[in-house]
Protein backbone atom coordinates (compact mmCIF):
# COMPACT_ATOMS: atom_id res chain seq x y z
CA UNK A 1 80.28 132.19 100.52
CA UNK A 2 77.54 132.24 98.15
CA UNK A 3 75.79 135.16 100.18
CA UNK A 4 78.70 137.05 99.45
CA UNK A 5 78.94 136.94 95.81
CA UNK A 6 81.66 134.45 95.42
CA UNK A 7 79.44 131.00 93.51
CA UNK A 8 80.42 128.12 95.71
CA UNK A 9 79.14 124.38 95.40
CA UNK A 10 81.07 121.65 97.04
CA UNK A 11 82.28 118.50 95.93
CA UNK A 12 81.81 115.91 98.85
CA UNK A 13 84.02 112.40 98.36
CA UNK A 14 81.42 110.88 101.72
CA UNK A 15 77.68 111.13 103.05
CA UNK A 16 79.40 109.68 106.32
CA UNK A 17 79.20 112.31 108.56
CA UNK A 18 75.71 113.85 107.47
CA UNK A 19 74.67 110.64 108.08
CA UNK A 20 75.52 109.86 111.08
CA UNK A 21 75.82 107.14 112.18
CA UNK A 22 78.52 105.55 114.86
CA UNK A 23 81.89 107.68 116.14
CA UNK A 24 84.88 105.37 116.84
CA UNK A 25 86.40 108.07 119.24
CA UNK A 26 83.04 108.92 120.56
CA UNK A 27 82.15 105.70 121.05
CA UNK A 28 78.47 107.04 120.29
CA UNK A 29 75.68 107.19 117.35
CA UNK A 30 76.11 110.82 116.05
CA UNK A 31 73.57 112.56 114.12
CA UNK A 32 74.45 116.08 113.72
CA UNK A 33 71.54 118.55 115.16
CA UNK A 34 71.94 121.23 112.64
CA UNK A 35 71.29 121.63 108.98
CA UNK A 36 74.39 120.48 106.44
CA UNK A 37 73.51 121.13 103.52
CA UNK A 38 71.92 124.39 103.92
CA UNK A 39 71.83 127.87 100.90
CA UNK A 40 74.66 126.55 98.96
CA UNK A 41 74.71 123.61 96.00
CA UNK A 42 76.22 120.93 96.15
CA UNK A 43 76.94 117.00 94.51
CA UNK A 44 77.68 113.45 96.66
CA UNK A 45 80.25 111.63 93.95
CA UNK A 46 80.53 107.80 94.50
CA UNK A 47 82.93 105.89 96.19
CA UNK A 48 84.82 103.47 93.96
CA UNK A 49 86.65 102.28 96.86
CA UNK A 50 86.63 98.68 97.53
CA UNK A 51 86.72 99.62 101.82
CA UNK A 52 84.90 102.97 100.99
CA UNK A 53 84.68 104.80 103.97
CA UNK A 54 86.53 108.42 106.00
CA UNK A 55 88.13 105.80 108.48
CA UNK A 56 89.89 103.21 105.66
CA UNK A 57 93.12 105.48 105.26
CA UNK A 58 94.36 106.55 101.71
CA UNK A 59 92.02 104.40 99.10
CA UNK A 60 89.56 104.54 101.43
CA UNK A 61 88.31 107.73 99.17
CA UNK A 62 88.33 106.51 95.27
CA UNK A 63 85.31 109.13 93.69
CA UNK A 64 86.37 107.91 89.61
CA UNK A 65 82.53 110.78 88.91
CA UNK A 66 83.81 113.63 90.97
CA UNK A 67 87.48 113.11 88.74
CA UNK A 68 85.93 112.62 85.63
CA UNK A 69 84.00 116.03 86.43
CA UNK A 70 87.19 117.87 87.17
CA UNK A 71 87.90 117.16 82.96
CA UNK A 72 84.28 118.71 82.12
CA UNK A 73 84.27 121.21 84.86
CA UNK A 74 84.31 125.42 83.43
CA UNK A 75 87.95 126.82 84.47
CA UNK A 76 87.41 127.54 88.28
CA UNK A 77 88.66 128.23 91.54
CA UNK A 78 89.38 124.12 92.62
CA UNK A 79 90.00 123.69 96.79
CA UNK A 80 91.49 120.51 98.47
CA UNK A 81 91.25 119.92 101.93
CA UNK A 82 94.45 117.96 102.91
CA UNK A 83 96.23 114.83 100.41
CA UNK A 84 95.46 112.33 102.51
CA UNK A 85 93.01 110.18 100.06
CA UNK A 86 93.25 109.14 96.74
CA UNK A 87 90.92 111.48 95.16
CA UNK A 88 92.15 114.78 97.36
CA UNK A 89 96.08 113.09 95.79
CA UNK A 90 94.42 112.77 92.18
CA UNK A 91 92.79 116.13 92.10
CA UNK A 92 95.96 117.79 93.13
CA UNK A 93 98.20 116.34 91.30
CA UNK A 94 95.68 116.44 87.95
CA UNK A 95 93.83 119.53 88.93
CA UNK A 96 96.25 122.03 86.34
CA UNK A 97 95.96 120.54 83.56
CA UNK A 98 92.47 121.36 82.17
CA UNK A 99 93.67 125.41 83.53
CA UNK A 100 92.26 125.04 87.25
CA UNK A 101 93.64 127.06 90.28
CA UNK A 102 93.95 124.43 92.33
CA UNK A 103 94.62 125.00 96.03
CA UNK A 104 95.44 123.07 98.89
CA UNK A 105 94.75 123.88 102.65
CA UNK A 106 95.98 121.16 105.26
CA UNK A 107 96.55 122.31 109.02
CA UNK A 108 99.51 120.23 109.56
CA UNK A 109 101.60 122.48 112.58
CA UNK A 110 105.39 123.51 111.67
CA UNK A 111 105.63 122.35 115.61
CA UNK A 112 104.40 118.65 115.52
CA UNK A 113 106.63 117.84 113.03
CA UNK A 114 109.97 117.51 114.88
CA UNK A 115 108.46 114.91 116.46
CA UNK A 116 107.76 112.85 112.74
CA UNK A 117 111.18 110.67 112.83
CA UNK A 118 111.35 107.51 110.27
CA UNK A 119 112.33 106.98 106.79
CA UNK A 120 108.32 107.38 105.63
CA UNK A 121 108.70 110.87 107.25
CA UNK A 122 111.54 111.58 104.37
CA UNK A 123 109.62 109.52 101.42
CA UNK A 124 106.68 112.31 102.42
CA UNK A 125 108.93 115.57 102.62
CA UNK A 126 109.88 114.09 99.18
CA UNK A 127 107.23 113.63 97.45
CA UNK A 128 105.96 117.05 98.89
CA UNK A 129 108.35 119.17 98.01
CA UNK A 130 108.79 117.50 94.63
CA UNK A 131 106.25 116.00 93.47
CA UNK A 132 102.37 117.85 94.82
CA UNK A 133 103.10 121.21 96.25
CA UNK A 134 104.99 121.90 92.56
CA UNK A 135 101.89 121.35 91.47
CA UNK A 136 99.66 123.71 94.25
CA UNK A 137 98.77 126.94 92.26
CA UNK A 138 98.24 129.22 95.87
CA UNK A 139 98.07 127.64 99.20
CA UNK A 140 96.50 127.90 101.89
CA UNK A 141 97.34 129.07 105.35
CA UNK A 142 95.05 128.29 108.54
CA UNK A 143 97.08 130.09 111.18
CA UNK A 144 100.62 130.87 112.16
CA UNK A 145 102.07 127.16 112.37
CA UNK A 146 100.30 126.59 109.15
CA UNK A 147 102.13 129.51 107.17
CA UNK A 148 105.82 128.41 108.90
CA UNK A 149 105.52 124.37 107.63
CA UNK A 150 105.17 126.11 103.33
CA UNK A 151 107.57 128.20 104.67
CA UNK A 152 110.25 125.17 104.97
CA UNK A 153 109.16 123.53 102.48
CA UNK A 154 110.53 127.16 100.33
CA UNK A 155 106.41 128.40 99.14
CA UNK A 156 106.97 131.61 98.33
CA UNK A 157 104.58 134.31 100.11
CA UNK A 158 102.61 134.77 96.78
CA UNK A 159 101.51 131.42 96.39
CA UNK A 160 100.64 132.05 100.36
CA UNK A 161 97.34 132.78 101.50
CA UNK A 162 95.26 133.00 104.93
CA UNK A 163 92.71 131.39 105.05
CA UNK A 164 91.79 130.40 108.66
CA UNK A 165 90.28 127.92 110.34
CA UNK A 166 87.01 129.53 111.99
CA UNK A 167 83.63 128.50 113.31
CA UNK A 168 80.55 129.99 112.62
CA UNK A 169 80.62 132.87 114.95
CA UNK A 170 77.83 134.84 114.46
CA UNK A 171 75.99 131.86 115.31
CA UNK A 172 77.49 131.37 118.72
CA UNK A 173 77.08 134.91 119.32
CA UNK A 174 73.95 135.04 118.75
CA UNK A 175 73.57 131.98 121.00
CA UNK A 176 75.37 133.35 123.57
CA UNK A 177 72.99 136.83 123.55
CA UNK A 178 69.70 134.79 124.41
CA UNK A 179 71.90 132.49 126.86
CA UNK A 180 73.27 135.41 129.03
CA UNK A 181 69.86 135.83 131.14
CA UNK A 182 69.88 133.12 132.08
CA UNK A 183 73.12 131.55 132.85
CA UNK A 184 72.37 131.89 136.72
CA UNK A 185 69.75 129.03 135.97
CA UNK A 186 71.64 126.75 134.08
CA UNK A 187 74.29 127.03 137.40
CA UNK A 188 71.72 126.00 139.82
CA UNK A 189 70.69 123.12 137.53
CA UNK A 190 74.12 122.17 137.70
CA UNK A 191 74.19 122.07 141.08
CA UNK A 192 76.81 125.11 141.00
CA UNK A 193 77.34 127.68 143.39
CA UNK A 194 76.89 131.29 141.47
CA UNK A 195 80.42 132.15 142.70
CA UNK A 196 82.16 129.58 142.36
CA UNK A 197 84.89 129.13 139.25
CA UNK A 198 84.66 127.09 136.42
CA UNK A 199 86.43 125.28 134.39
CA UNK A 200 85.75 124.13 130.54
CA UNK A 201 86.52 120.86 128.73
CA UNK A 202 84.74 120.59 125.39
CA UNK A 203 86.76 117.51 122.92
CA UNK A 204 86.56 113.73 122.98
CA UNK A 205 87.76 111.57 125.64
CA UNK A 206 90.67 110.44 123.60
CA UNK A 207 94.78 110.08 124.34
CA UNK A 208 94.80 112.93 122.07
CA UNK A 209 92.60 115.18 124.05
CA UNK A 210 94.63 114.72 127.10
CA UNK A 211 91.99 114.61 129.35
CA UNK A 212 93.55 112.91 132.47
CA UNK A 213 95.99 115.21 132.94
CA UNK A 214 93.45 117.58 133.29
CA UNK A 215 91.56 116.04 135.39
CA UNK A 216 95.40 115.99 137.81
CA UNK A 217 96.11 119.21 137.62
CA UNK A 218 92.44 119.69 138.91
CA UNK A 219 93.01 117.95 141.32
CA UNK A 220 96.58 119.22 142.30
CA UNK A 221 94.36 122.68 142.61
CA UNK A 222 92.37 121.61 145.12
CA UNK A 223 90.16 124.62 145.68
CA UNK A 224 86.41 124.05 146.87
CA UNK A 225 85.18 126.93 145.01
CA UNK A 226 86.18 125.15 141.62
CA UNK A 227 84.46 122.87 138.79
CA UNK A 228 85.08 121.31 136.08
CA UNK A 229 82.70 120.32 132.85
CA UNK A 230 83.96 118.03 130.80
CA UNK A 231 82.00 118.04 127.53
CA UNK A 232 82.61 114.94 125.61
CA UNK A 233 82.79 111.40 125.46
CA UNK A 234 84.98 108.61 123.91
CA UNK A 235 86.60 106.05 124.94
CA UNK A 236 89.61 107.07 128.38
CA UNK A 237 85.79 107.31 129.94
CA UNK A 238 86.10 105.04 132.57
CA UNK A 239 90.02 105.63 133.00
CA UNK A 240 88.79 109.27 134.07
CA UNK A 241 85.85 107.80 135.86
CA UNK A 242 88.29 105.49 138.13
CA UNK A 243 90.52 108.38 138.75
CA UNK A 244 87.44 111.00 140.06
CA UNK A 245 86.25 108.11 142.13
CA UNK A 246 89.62 107.53 143.88
CA UNK A 247 89.92 111.11 144.50
CA UNK A 248 86.46 111.70 145.79
CA UNK A 249 86.38 114.62 142.58
CA UNK A 250 83.07 116.15 143.38
CA UNK A 251 82.94 118.93 142.33
CA UNK A 252 83.96 117.44 138.03
CA UNK A 253 81.30 116.86 135.61
CA UNK A 254 81.26 114.23 132.88
CA UNK A 255 78.37 115.49 130.49
CA UNK A 256 79.00 112.63 128.09
CA UNK A 257 78.24 113.65 123.76
CA UNK A 258 76.75 117.41 123.35
CA UNK A 259 75.41 118.55 120.02
CA UNK A 260 75.80 121.35 118.93
CA UNK A 261 72.14 123.49 119.51
CA UNK A 262 72.78 122.60 123.58
CA UNK A 263 76.99 122.93 123.50
CA UNK A 264 76.10 126.48 123.47
CA UNK A 265 74.99 126.77 127.53
CA UNK A 266 78.51 124.88 128.82
CA UNK A 267 80.41 127.50 126.81
CA UNK A 268 78.35 130.07 128.83
CA UNK A 269 78.91 129.58 132.35
CA UNK A 270 82.56 129.02 132.05
CA UNK A 271 84.87 130.78 133.69
CA UNK A 272 87.87 129.40 131.27
CA UNK A 273 88.91 126.77 128.51
CA UNK A 274 90.66 124.92 128.59
CA UNK A 275 92.22 122.15 126.34
CA UNK A 276 95.34 120.78 126.37
CA UNK A 277 96.18 118.23 123.57
CA UNK A 278 99.39 116.65 122.40
CA UNK A 279 100.55 115.59 118.34
CA UNK A 280 97.26 115.24 116.90
CA UNK A 281 95.35 118.76 117.07
CA UNK A 282 96.32 120.40 114.46
CA UNK A 283 93.89 123.75 115.73
CA UNK A 284 92.19 122.53 117.43
CA UNK A 285 88.26 124.13 116.88
CA UNK A 286 86.45 124.12 119.96
CA UNK A 287 88.73 127.19 121.35
CA UNK A 288 87.07 129.22 118.31
CA UNK A 289 83.89 127.95 119.77
CA UNK A 290 84.88 128.92 123.38
CA UNK A 291 86.57 132.44 122.74
CA UNK A 292 82.74 133.87 121.23
CA UNK A 293 81.94 132.94 124.77
CA UNK A 294 84.78 135.73 125.64
CA UNK A 295 85.97 132.97 127.44
CA UNK A 296 89.76 133.38 128.61
CA UNK A 297 92.04 130.77 127.92
CA UNK A 298 94.63 127.68 128.56
CA UNK A 299 96.35 126.17 125.84
CA UNK A 300 98.67 123.63 125.85
CA UNK A 301 101.55 124.34 123.09
CA UNK A 302 101.14 121.29 120.67
CA UNK A 303 96.92 122.36 120.59
CA UNK A 304 97.92 124.10 117.16
CA UNK A 305 96.01 126.88 117.29
CA UNK A 306 97.59 128.09 120.24
CA UNK A 307 100.15 131.37 118.57
CA UNK A 308 97.53 132.18 117.42
CA UNK A 309 94.43 132.67 119.93
CA UNK A 310 96.26 133.20 123.22
CA UNK A 311 98.49 136.21 124.14
CA UNK A 312 100.27 135.44 127.08
CA UNK A 313 98.97 137.16 130.29
CA UNK A 314 95.76 139.07 128.52
CA UNK A 315 92.78 136.29 127.36
CA UNK A 316 95.28 133.73 128.28
CA UNK A 317 98.03 131.49 128.37
CA UNK A 318 99.88 128.04 126.92
CA UNK A 319 102.00 126.09 128.69
CA UNK A 320 104.33 122.84 127.81
CA UNK A 321 102.24 119.69 127.06
CA UNK A 322 101.89 116.93 130.15
CA UNK A 323 103.28 120.04 132.30
CA UNK A 324 100.40 118.99 134.52
CA UNK A 325 102.23 121.20 137.41
CA UNK A 326 103.05 123.74 134.54
CA UNK A 327 98.73 123.55 133.75
CA UNK A 328 97.88 123.83 137.51
CA UNK A 329 99.35 127.49 138.11
CA UNK A 330 98.33 128.52 135.09
CA UNK A 331 95.30 127.62 135.95
CA UNK A 332 95.70 129.41 139.15
CA UNK A 333 97.02 132.28 138.04
CA UNK A 334 93.25 133.38 136.47
CA UNK A 335 91.04 131.30 138.46
CA UNK A 336 92.06 132.60 142.03
CA UNK A 337 95.15 135.08 140.85
CA UNK A 338 92.51 137.01 138.66
CA UNK A 339 96.39 137.83 136.59
CA UNK A 340 94.62 137.77 133.13
CA UNK A 341 94.54 141.67 131.94
CA UNK A 342 92.10 141.42 129.42
CA UNK A 343 92.56 144.83 128.04
CA UNK A 344 91.67 142.45 124.43
CA UNK A 345 89.85 139.74 124.99
CA UNK A 346 89.33 136.20 123.26
CA UNK A 347 85.74 137.81 121.76
CA UNK A 348 87.11 140.41 120.26
CA UNK A 349 90.49 137.83 118.73
CA UNK A 350 88.06 135.37 117.21
CA UNK A 351 86.55 138.54 114.95
CA UNK A 352 89.15 137.44 112.81
CA UNK A 353 89.13 134.17 112.34
CA UNK A 354 85.33 134.05 110.76
CA UNK A 355 83.79 133.09 107.31
CA UNK A 356 83.73 136.38 105.86
CA UNK A 357 87.80 136.75 106.85
CA UNK A 358 88.17 133.31 104.58
CA UNK A 359 85.83 134.55 102.32
CA UNK A 360 87.26 137.62 101.90
CA UNK A 361 91.19 136.36 101.68
CA UNK A 362 89.60 134.14 98.51
CA UNK A 363 88.06 136.55 96.93
CA UNK A 364 91.44 137.66 95.46
CA UNK A 365 91.28 134.01 94.10
CA UNK A 366 89.28 135.33 91.74
């Protein structure tokens, strides 16, 4: 954003992810191997919570210094990512009192809301509609499902701004350009014949991601010319290993955690990227990553980005979440029957989901 002449500063409520450490869902210690603080101004604010952590719910982030800075700061466009912490909620509630333009960027898809029932959901809807949303100037929607989520609360079109979820497309495309001449050697090192097809899964081995659905579908596919590489780590690894051993699946590779600088090698050799997630997968940014390598897609219909990033029969398909038979059939359509037209590629589609698109749209708010 700063490179595009949008003077930007980041305010951080925690340094947990910057420092790295034990990730509960991956189940391993993680330190990111790409720079996260280069090229822009930022501030870290003391967390005054009695149980300080992004993992400890609403009161896990209480940053009184940030709230004080809110009232000392000259008028600005302030973008708040969600309302699930005390600090974020209070910035949304109080920001307009100082004359700031308050923008909310939340990733909730309407399709997931239909599955949420009970009194807590009713209270949330009342709180958002009558207390929180009236205090927000602009709603930055990440995709079509997120947009209609806001529309379901009667948010007017002039308060809605497209701010798509994106990854660093330029970095991934540059990596692909370097790796492409070496794809044969990467396959050879993994023991995969040059003409065999490779399915890529990238994500945590957790229930939300439903990795066992993919293993079941791959078993049912039963094709000796297809491989499945599951990039990730997590609590379901033991169950996955038992399944692989029980069914003697020789052509499945569980990589373990792969950091950002190395993950491009797996995307580059893939013939199909699969995400079979259920509730809680509000978008699925690893889909964006894979698309920079021109990989066809097969996404569950509850993956939040499925309506935006898949053109049915062109660059991929969607399937009904948890439907292992349909997942297997669509894998067969893409890998064996070559049914995709590919007249619009994944790479061409993801070009519209970029940092530049975000910045261009935010400039209109200044």
